[in-house]
Each structure stands twice: as C-alpha cells, then as structure tokens.
Amino acid sequence: MKYLLILLGLLFLNGCADYVTFNQAQQIIPVGFWYGLWHGIILPISWIVSLFDDSVAIYAIYNNGGWYDFGFILGCGVFSSPVYIKEI
C-alpha cells in the first residue's frame, strides 16, 4: 500500500510539468530560487519522462540565474540525503 501511494503521488506531481517553446521563453521572466528548488525536487520524475518523450527536458531554457541554480542543486540534494535514503 505504501508503494502504491508513492506511485500515485509521483504521478500526481508529474502533472506539474510545463512546456515552453523558444519564442515563449524569450518573453518569460526568469524564475528564481523557489522554482529551482521545486524543479530540483521533481528532477527524478522529469528525467524518467525525458527518456521516453523528446519534448520533455530536465532543465527548461528560461530557467537561469544564480538563485535558480542554487535552488535546483538544493532540490536535487533532497534525494541524495542520508535521511531520505534511509527511509526508503
């Protein structure tokens, strides 16, 4: 039951994915730390989906800047922390 709930949660989070064309990206204001943190946390989901769908990338073209990158790295670190690995 625990694994089923985790799978359903991951599928639910997958709905947060976004699609942006190059023309749209030129008009978007770059995002900051909180988006980077969130995108780092959902990185495993994005990566798996990107293996099967060429229109999905793990790092969008309009996501740039030092604060975004800092949040992204921290978000990625959530999955490599010893506490998270121990709970699995």
PDB file of N, CA and C in Angstrom:
ATOM      1  N   MET A   1       0.826  -1.186   0.000  1.00  0.00           N
ATOM      2  CA  MET A   1       0.000   0.000   0.000  1.00  0.00           C
ATOM      3  C   MET A   1       0.878   1.262   0.000  1.00  0.00           C
ATOM      4  N   LYS A   2       2.002   1.191   0.742  1.00  0.00           N
ATOM      5  CA  LYS A   2       2.909   2.333   0.809  1.00  0.00           C
ATOM      6  C   LYS A   2       3.463   2.672  -0.572  1.00  0.00           C
ATOM      7  N   TYR A   3       3.875   1.665  -1.312  1.00  0.00           N
ATOM      8  CA  TYR A   3       4.444   1.899  -2.634  1.00  0.00           C
ATOM      9  C   TYR A   3       3.396   2.377  -3.630  1.00  0.00           C
ATOM     10  N   LEU A   4       2.184   1.918  -3.481  1.00  0.00           N
ATOM     11  CA  LEU A   4       1.103   2.387  -4.345  1.00  0.00           C
ATOM     12  C   LEU A   4       0.834   3.870  -4.113  1.00  0.00           C
ATOM     13  N   LEU A   5       0.829   4.290  -2.854  1.00  0.00           N
ATOM     14  CA  LEU A   5       0.624   5.701  -2.544  1.00  0.00           C
ATOM     15  C   LEU A   5       1.781   6.562  -3.063  1.00  0.00           C
ATOM     16  N   ILE A   6       2.990   6.049  -2.965  1.00  0.00           N
ATOM     17  CA  ILE A   6       4.140   6.777  -3.502  1.00  0.00           C
ATOM     18  C   ILE A   6       4.018   6.906  -5.011  1.00  0.00           C
ATOM     19  N   LEU A   7       3.650   5.836  -5.680  1.00  0.00           N
ATOM     20  CA  LEU A   7       3.479   5.877  -7.135  1.00  0.00           C
ATOM     21  C   LEU A   7       2.386   6.854  -7.535  1.00  0.00           C
ATOM     22  N   LEU A   8       1.265   6.843  -6.840  1.00  0.00           N
ATOM     23  CA  LEU A   8       0.188   7.785  -7.137  1.00  0.00           C
ATOM     24  C   LEU A   8       0.633   9.222  -6.889  1.00  0.00           C
ATOM     25  N   GLY A   9       1.405   9.429  -5.839  1.00  0.00           N
ATOM     26  CA  GLY A   9       1.932  10.764  -5.564  1.00  0.00           C
ATOM     27  C   GLY A   9       2.860  11.245  -6.669  1.00  0.00           C
ATOM     28  N   LEU A  10       3.718  10.352  -7.162  1.00  0.00           N
ATOM     29  CA  LEU A  10       4.618  10.714  -8.250  1.00  0.00           C
ATOM     30  C   LEU A  10       3.863  11.018  -9.535  1.00  0.00           C
ATOM     31  N   LEU A  11       2.838  10.247  -9.815  1.00  0.00           N
ATOM     32  CA  LEU A  11       2.023  10.520 -10.998  1.00  0.00           C
ATOM     33  C   LEU A  11       1.294  11.851 -10.858  1.00  0.00           C
ATOM     34  N   PHE A  12       0.845  12.166  -9.666  1.00  0.00           N
ATOM     35  CA  PHE A  12       0.186  13.436  -9.416  1.00  0.00           C
ATOM     36  C   PHE A  12       1.160  14.592  -9.632  1.00  0.00           C
ATOM     37  N   LEU A  13       2.382  14.469  -9.130  1.00  0.00           N
ATOM     38  CA  LEU A  13       3.382  15.509  -9.305  1.00  0.00           C
ATOM     39  C   LEU A  13       3.798  15.679 -10.760  1.00  0.00           C
ATOM     40  N   ASN A  14       3.682  14.637 -11.534  1.00  0.00           N
ATOM     41  CA  ASN A  14       4.036  14.710 -12.943  1.00  0.00           C
ATOM     42  C   ASN A  14       3.171  15.723 -13.680  1.00  0.00           C
ATOM     43  N   GLY A  15       1.987  15.980 -13.167  1.00  0.00           N
ATOM     44  CA  GLY A  15       1.102  16.966 -13.778  1.00  0.00           C
ATOM     45  C   GLY A  15       1.628  18.385 -13.647  1.00  0.00           C
ATOM     46  N   CYS A  16       2.683  18.589 -12.883  1.00  0.00           N
ATOM     47  CA  CYS A  16       3.267  19.917 -12.705  1.00  0.00           C
ATOM     48  C   CYS A  16       4.232  20.270 -13.836  1.00  0.00           C
ATOM     49  N   ALA A  17       4.456  19.356 -14.762  1.00  0.00           N
ATOM     50  CA  ALA A  17       5.391  19.600 -15.852  1.00  0.00           C
ATOM     51  C   ALA A  17       4.876  20.732 -16.739  1.00  0.00           C
ATOM     52  N   ASP A  18       5.804  21.459 -17.339  1.00  0.00           N
ATOM     53  CA  ASP A  18       5.468  22.627 -18.144  1.00  0.00           C
ATOM     54  C   ASP A  18       6.127  22.483 -19.512  1.00  0.00           C
ATOM     55  N   TYR A  19       5.496  23.081 -20.530  1.00  0.00           N
ATOM     56  CA  TYR A  19       6.032  23.043 -21.885  1.00  0.00           C
ATOM     57  C   TYR A  19       6.124  24.471 -22.400  1.00  0.00           C
ATOM     58  N   VAL A  20       7.306  24.867 -22.867  1.00  0.00           N
ATOM     59  CA  VAL A  20       7.535  26.225 -23.351  1.00  0.00           C
ATOM     60  C   VAL A  20       8.325  26.156 -24.647  1.00  0.00           C
ATOM     61  N   THR A  21       7.879  26.891 -25.658  1.00  0.00           N
ATOM     62  CA  THR A  21       8.623  26.966 -26.914  1.00  0.00           C
ATOM     63  C   THR A  21       9.716  28.020 -26.788  1.00  0.00           C
ATOM     64  N   PHE A  22      10.630  28.071 -27.746  1.00  0.00           N
ATOM     65  CA  PHE A  22      11.704  29.061 -27.727  1.00  0.00           C
ATOM     66  C   PHE A  22      11.146  30.477 -27.808  1.00  0.00           C
ATOM     67  N   ASN A  23      10.126  30.675 -28.638  1.00  0.00           N
ATOM     68  CA  ASN A  23       9.535  32.006 -28.762  1.00  0.00           C
ATOM     69  C   ASN A  23       8.888  32.447 -27.451  1.00  0.00           C
ATOM     70  N   GLN A  24       8.214  31.551 -26.776  1.00  0.00           N
ATOM     71  CA  GLN A  24       7.609  31.888 -25.495  1.00  0.00           C
ATOM     72  C   GLN A  24       8.674  32.147 -24.438  1.00  0.00           C
ATOM     73  N   ALA A  25       9.758  31.410 -24.472  1.00  0.00           N
ATOM     74  CA  ALA A  25      10.819  31.542 -23.468  1.00  0.00           C
ATOM     75  C   ALA A  25      11.481  32.909 -23.516  1.00  0.00           C
ATOM     76  N   GLN A  26      11.521  33.524 -24.688  1.00  0.00           N
ATOM     77  CA  GLN A  26      12.124  34.853 -24.807  1.00  0.00           C
ATOM     78  C   GLN A  26      11.312  35.912 -24.073  1.00  0.00           C
ATOM     79  N   GLN A  27      10.031  35.662 -23.865  1.00  0.00           N
ATOM     80  CA  GLN A  27       9.156  36.645 -23.237  1.00  0.00           C
ATOM     81  C   GLN A  27       8.905  36.360 -21.757  1.00  0.00           C
ATOM     82  N   ILE A  28       9.392  35.243 -21.250  1.00  0.00           N
ATOM     83  CA  ILE A  28       9.148  34.853 -19.863  1.00  0.00           C
ATOM     84  C   ILE A  28      10.211  35.465 -18.959  1.00  0.00           C
ATOM     85  N   ILE A  29       9.777  35.985 -17.829  1.00  0.00           N
ATOM     86  CA  ILE A  29      10.709  36.496 -16.828  1.00  0.00           C
ATOM     87  C   ILE A  29      11.378  35.298 -16.159  1.00  0.00           C
ATOM     88  N   PRO A  30      12.725  35.309 -16.066  1.00  0.00           N
ATOM     89  CA  PRO A  30      13.420  34.177 -15.431  1.00  0.00           C
ATOM     90  C   PRO A  30      12.932  33.953 -13.997  1.00  0.00           C
ATOM     91  N   VAL A  31      12.848  32.709 -13.610  1.00  0.00           N
ATOM     92  CA  VAL A  31      12.359  32.348 -12.281  1.00  0.00           C
ATOM     93  C   VAL A  31      13.522  32.285 -11.303  1.00  0.00           C
ATOM     94  N   GLY A  32      13.221  32.208 -10.022  1.00  0.00           N
ATOM     95  CA  GLY A  32      14.261  32.280  -9.007  1.00  0.00           C
ATOM     96  C   GLY A  32      14.413  31.021  -8.184  1.00  0.00           C
ATOM     97  N   PHE A  33      14.803  31.229  -6.943  1.00  0.00           N
ATOM     98  CA  PHE A  33      15.188  30.166  -6.032  1.00  0.00           C
ATOM     99  C   PHE A  33      14.098  29.123  -5.820  1.00  0.00           C
ATOM    100  N   TRP A  34      12.872  29.535  -5.539  1.00  0.00           N
ATOM    101  CA  TRP A  34      11.803  28.593  -5.184  1.00  0.00           C
ATOM    102  C   TRP A  34      11.441  27.673  -6.344  1.00  0.00           C
ATOM    103  N   TYR A  35      11.438  28.205  -7.559  1.00  0.00           N
ATOM    104  CA  TYR A  35      11.198  27.344  -8.715  1.00  0.00           C
ATOM    105  C   TYR A  35      12.356  26.373  -8.904  1.00  0.00           C
ATOM    106  N   GLY A  36      13.572  26.855  -8.700  1.00  0.00           N
ATOM    107  CA  GLY A  36      14.730  25.974  -8.806  1.00  0.00           C
ATOM    108  C   GLY A  36      14.679  24.845  -7.800  1.00  0.00           C
ATOM    109  N   LEU A  37      14.283  25.171  -6.569  1.00  0.00           N
ATOM    110  CA  LEU A  37      14.151  24.142  -5.540  1.00  0.00           C
ATOM    111  C   LEU A  37      13.118  23.102  -5.951  1.00  0.00           C
ATOM    112  N   TRP A  38      11.957  23.560  -6.403  1.00  0.00           N
ATOM    113  CA  TRP A  38      10.896  22.642  -6.820  1.00  0.00           C
ATOM    114  C   TRP A  38      11.343  21.779  -7.997  1.00  0.00           C
ATOM    115  N   HIS A  39      11.973  22.402  -8.984  1.00  0.00           N
ATOM    116  CA  HIS A  39      12.415  21.644 -10.157  1.00  0.00           C
ATOM    117  C   HIS A  39      13.505  20.642  -9.791  1.00  0.00           C
ATOM    118  N   GLY A  40      14.325  20.961  -8.815  1.00  0.00           N
ATOM    119  CA  GLY A  40      15.323  20.001  -8.342  1.00  0.00           C
ATOM    120  C   GLY A  40      14.679  18.817  -7.640  1.00  0.00           C
ATOM    121  N   ILE A  41      13.604  19.088  -6.881  1.00  0.00           N
ATOM    122  CA  ILE A  41      12.916  18.007  -6.176  1.00  0.00           C
ATOM    123  C   ILE A  41      12.240  17.044  -7.158  1.00  0.00           C
ATOM    124  N   ILE A  42      11.661  17.580  -8.237  1.00  0.00           N
ATOM    125  CA  ILE A  42      10.968  16.709  -9.200  1.00  0.00           C
ATOM    126  C   ILE A  42      11.898  16.219 -10.312  1.00  0.00           C
ATOM    127  N   LEU A  43      13.199  16.452 -10.163  1.00  0.00           N
ATOM    128  CA  LEU A  43      14.167  16.028 -11.178  1.00  0.00           C
ATOM    129  C   LEU A  43      14.071  14.548 -11.532  1.00  0.00           C
ATOM    130  N   PRO A  44      13.977  13.622 -10.574  1.00  0.00           N
ATOM    131  CA  PRO A  44      13.900  12.203 -10.965  1.00  0.00           C
ATOM    132  C   PRO A  44      12.704  11.903 -11.873  1.00  0.00           C
ATOM    133  N   ILE A  45      11.581  12.523 -11.603  1.00  0.00           N
ATOM    134  CA  ILE A  45      10.394  12.307 -12.432  1.00  0.00           C
ATOM    135  C   ILE A  45      10.630  12.877 -13.830  1.00  0.00           C
ATOM    136  N   SER A  46      11.143  14.091 -13.885  1.00  0.00           N
ATOM    137  CA  SER A  46      11.407  14.733 -15.180  1.00  0.00           C
ATOM    138  C   SER A  46      12.401  13.933 -16.001  1.00  0.00           C
ATOM    139  N   TRP A  47      13.415  13.405 -15.337  1.00  0.00           N
ATOM    140  CA  TRP A  47      14.438  12.652 -16.055  1.00  0.00           C
ATOM    141  C   TRP A  47      13.861  11.364 -16.651  1.00  0.00           C
ATOM    142  N   ILE A  48      13.078  10.649 -15.870  1.00  0.00           N
ATOM    143  CA  ILE A  48      12.484   9.402 -16.362  1.00  0.00           C
ATOM    144  C   ILE A  48      11.557   9.679 -17.539  1.00  0.00           C
ATOM    145  N   VAL A  49      10.725  10.711 -17.420  1.00  0.00           N
ATOM    146  CA  VAL A  49       9.817  11.056 -18.517  1.00  0.00           C
ATOM    147  C   VAL A  49      10.613  11.487 -19.741  1.00  0.00           C
ATOM    148  N   SER A  50      11.731  12.217 -19.549  1.00  0.00           N
ATOM    149  CA  SER A  50      12.527  12.686 -20.686  1.00  0.00           C
ATOM    150  C   SER A  50      13.176  11.534 -21.460  1.00  0.00           C
ATOM    151  N   LEU A  51      13.334  10.377 -20.826  1.00  0.00           N
ATOM    152  CA  LEU A  51      13.890   9.223 -21.527  1.00  0.00           C
ATOM    153  C   LEU A  51      12.951   8.698 -22.607  1.00  0.00           C
ATOM    154  N   PHE A  52      11.649   8.888 -22.391  1.00  0.00           N
ATOM    155  CA  PHE A  52      10.649   8.339 -23.305  1.00  0.00           C
ATOM    156  C   PHE A  52       9.946   9.393 -24.149  1.00  0.00           C
ATOM    157  N   ASP A  53      10.113  10.667 -23.824  1.00  0.00           N
ATOM    158  CA  ASP A  53       9.419  11.739 -24.536  1.00  0.00           C
ATOM    159  C   ASP A  53      10.419  12.850 -24.851  1.00  0.00           C
ATOM    160  N   ASP A  54      10.693  13.056 -26.131  1.00  0.00           N
ATOM    161  CA  ASP A  54      11.682  14.043 -26.547  1.00  0.00           C
ATOM    162  C   ASP A  54      11.255  15.486 -26.270  1.00  0.00           C
ATOM    163  N   SER A  55       9.987  15.715 -26.016  1.00  0.00           N
ATOM    164  CA  SER A  55       9.528  17.083 -25.760  1.00  0.00           C
ATOM    165  C   SER A  55       9.687  17.487 -24.295  1.00  0.00           C
ATOM    166  N   VAL A  56      10.204  16.597 -23.451  1.00  0.00           N
ATOM    167  CA  VAL A  56      10.400  16.879 -22.033  1.00  0.00           C
ATOM    168  C   VAL A  56      11.899  17.001 -21.758  1.00  0.00           C
ATOM    169  N   ALA A  57      12.265  18.063 -21.052  1.00  0.00           N
ATOM    170  CA  ALA A  57      13.661  18.276 -20.665  1.00  0.00           C
ATOM    171  C   ALA A  57      13.729  18.456 -19.156  1.00  0.00           C
ATOM    172  N   ILE A  58      14.886  18.197 -18.588  1.00  0.00           N
ATOM    173  CA  ILE A  58      15.001  18.318 -17.132  1.00  0.00           C
ATOM    174  C   ILE A  58      15.363  19.733 -16.714  1.00  0.00           C
ATOM    175  N   TYR A  59      15.730  20.583 -17.646  1.00  0.00           N
ATOM    176  CA  TYR A  59      16.125  21.950 -17.328  1.00  0.00           C
ATOM    177  C   TYR A  59      15.612  22.847 -18.440  1.00  0.00           C
ATOM    178  N   ALA A  60      14.588  23.648 -18.163  1.00  0.00           N
ATOM    179  CA  ALA A  60      13.966  24.489 -19.186  1.00  0.00           C
ATOM    180  C   ALA A  60      14.895  25.636 -19.579  1.00  0.00           C
ATOM    181  N   ILE A  61      14.719  26.146 -20.776  1.00  0.00           N
ATOM    182  CA  ILE A  61      15.640  27.149 -21.308  1.00  0.00           C
ATOM    183  C   ILE A  61      15.502  28.510 -20.639  1.00  0.00           C
ATOM    184  N   TYR A  62      14.352  28.830 -20.076  1.00  0.00           N
ATOM    185  CA  TYR A  62      14.191  30.135 -19.427  1.00  0.00           C
ATOM    186  C   TYR A  62      14.577  30.099 -17.951  1.00  0.00           C
ATOM    187  N   ASN A  63      14.901  28.952 -17.435  1.00  0.00           N
ATOM    188  CA  ASN A  63      15.303  28.833 -16.030  1.00  0.00           C
ATOM    189  C   ASN A  63      16.800  29.073 -15.930  1.00  0.00           C
ATOM    190  N   ASN A  64      17.173  30.295 -15.601  1.00  0.00           N
ATOM    191  CA  ASN A  64      18.593  30.596 -15.495  1.00  0.00           C
ATOM    192  C   ASN A  64      18.817  31.583 -14.363  1.00  0.00           C
ATOM    193  N   GLY A  65      20.035  31.775 -14.043  1.00  0.00           N
ATOM    194  CA  GLY A  65      20.379  32.685 -12.960  1.00  0.00           C
ATOM    195  C   GLY A  65      20.935  31.925 -11.769  1.00  0.00           C
ATOM    196  N   GLY A  66      21.703  32.630 -10.971  1.00  0.00           N
ATOM    197  CA  GLY A  66      22.367  32.005  -9.833  1.00  0.00           C
ATOM    198  C   GLY A  66      21.410  31.469  -8.785  1.00  0.00           C
ATOM    199  N   TRP A  67      20.358  32.217  -8.466  1.00  0.00           N
ATOM    200  CA  TRP A  67      19.427  31.767  -7.429  1.00  0.00           C
ATOM    201  C   TRP A  67      18.641  30.547  -7.883  1.00  0.00           C
ATOM    202  N   TYR A  68      18.261  30.504  -9.162  1.00  0.00           N
ATOM    203  CA  TYR A  68      17.571  29.324  -9.672  1.00  0.00           C
ATOM    204  C   TYR A  68      18.482  28.104  -9.570  1.00  0.00           C
ATOM    205  N   ASP A  69      19.725  28.269 -10.016  1.00  0.00           N
ATOM    206  CA  ASP A  69      20.681  27.152  -9.975  1.00  0.00           C
ATOM    207  C   ASP A  69      20.922  26.675  -8.545  1.00  0.00           C
ATOM    208  N   PHE A  70      21.019  27.616  -7.600  1.00  0.00           N
ATOM    209  CA  PHE A  70      21.220  27.259  -6.204  1.00  0.00           C
ATOM    210  C   PHE A  70      20.041  26.439  -5.678  1.00  0.00           C
ATOM    211  N   GLY A  71      18.822  26.877  -5.970  1.00  0.00           N
ATOM    212  CA  GLY A  71      17.638  26.129  -5.559  1.00  0.00           C
ATOM    213  C   GLY A  71      17.567  24.761  -6.219  1.00  0.00           C
ATOM    214  N   PHE A  72      17.955  24.700  -7.490  1.00  0.00           N
ATOM    215  CA  PHE A  72      17.935  23.436  -8.223  1.00  0.00           C
ATOM    216  C   PHE A  72      18.878  22.425  -7.579  1.00  0.00           C
ATOM    217  N   ILE A  73      20.077  22.867  -7.251  1.00  0.00           N
ATOM    218  CA  ILE A  73      21.051  21.972  -6.621  1.00  0.00           C
ATOM    219  C   ILE A  73      20.564  21.519  -5.251  1.00  0.00           C
ATOM    220  N   LEU A  74      19.986  22.430  -4.464  1.00  0.00           N
ATOM    221  CA  LEU A  74      19.444  22.039  -3.166  1.00  0.00           C
ATOM    222  C   LEU A  74      18.309  21.039  -3.328  1.00  0.00           C
ATOM    223  N   GLY A  75      17.435  21.268  -4.313  1.00  0.00           N
ATOM    224  CA  GLY A  75      16.337  20.342  -4.564  1.00  0.00           C
ATOM    225  C   GLY A  75      16.830  18.973  -4.981  1.00  0.00           C
ATOM    226  N   CYS A  76      17.871  18.921  -5.778  1.00  0.00           N
ATOM    227  CA  CYS A  76      18.458  17.633  -6.177  1.00  0.00           C
ATOM    228  C   CYS A  76      19.051  16.929  -4.964  1.00  0.00           C
ATOM    229  N   GLY A  77      19.583  17.698  -4.034  1.00  0.00           N
ATOM    230  CA  GLY A  77      20.192  17.131  -2.840  1.00  0.00           C
ATOM    231  C   GLY A  77      19.198  16.455  -1.923  1.00  0.00           C
ATOM    232  N   VAL A  78      17.919  16.786  -2.039  1.00  0.00           N
ATOM    233  CA  VAL A  78      16.895  16.147  -1.206  1.00  0.00           C
ATOM    234  C   VAL A  78      16.910  14.638  -1.420  1.00  0.00           C
ATOM    235  N   PHE A  79      17.109  14.194  -2.646  1.00  0.00           N
ATOM    236  CA  PHE A  79      17.070  12.772  -2.953  1.00  0.00           C
ATOM    237  C   PHE A  79      18.379  12.052  -2.655  1.00  0.00           C
ATOM    238  N   SER A  80      19.434  12.788  -2.399  1.00  0.00           N
ATOM    239  CA  SER A  80      20.701  12.138  -2.095  1.00  0.00           C
ATOM    240  C   SER A  80      21.052  12.239  -0.612  1.00  0.00           C
ATOM    241  N   SER A  81      20.153  12.803   0.180  1.00  0.00           N
ATOM    242  CA  SER A  81      20.450  12.936   1.604  1.00  0.00           C
ATOM    243  C   SER A  81      20.333  11.588   2.296  1.00  0.00           C
ATOM    244  N   PRO A  82      21.147  11.337   3.306  1.00  0.00           N
ATOM    245  CA  PRO A  82      21.108  10.046   4.014  1.00  0.00           C
ATOM    246  C   PRO A  82      19.766   9.784   4.688  1.00  0.00           C
ATOM    247  N   VAL A  83      19.083  10.806   5.141  1.00  0.00           N
ATOM    248  CA  VAL A  83      17.786  10.611   5.803  1.00  0.00           C
ATOM    249  C   VAL A  83      16.769  10.062   4.825  1.00  0.00           C
ATOM    250  N   TYR A  84      16.724  10.624   3.616  1.00  0.00           N
ATOM    251  CA  TYR A  84      15.781  10.158   2.609  1.00  0.00           C
ATOM    252  C   TYR A  84      16.094   8.721   2.200  1.00  0.00           C
ATOM    253  N   ILE A  85      17.354   8.421   1.979  1.00  0.00           N
ATOM    254  CA  ILE A  85      17.739   7.079   1.542  1.00  0.00           C
ATOM    255  C   ILE A  85      17.430   6.062   2.641  1.00  0.00           C
ATOM    256  N   LYS A  86      17.644   6.430   3.886  1.00  0.00           N
ATOM    257  CA  LYS A  86      17.375   5.519   4.997  1.00  0.00           C
ATOM    258  C   LYS A  86      15.896   5.183   5.091  1.00  0.00           C
ATOM    259  N   GLU A  87      15.009   6.154   4.800  1.00  0.00           N
ATOM    260  CA  GLU A  87      13.564   5.918   4.898  1.00  0.00           C
ATOM    261  C   GLU A  87      13.059   4.996   3.811  1.00  0.00           C
ATOM    262  N   ILE A  88      13.723   4.991   2.662  1.00  0.00           N
ATOM    263  CA  ILE A  88      13.282   4.118   1.569  1.00  0.00           C
ATOM    264  C   ILE A  88      13.650   2.708   1.929  1.00  0.00           C
TER     265      ILE A  88
END
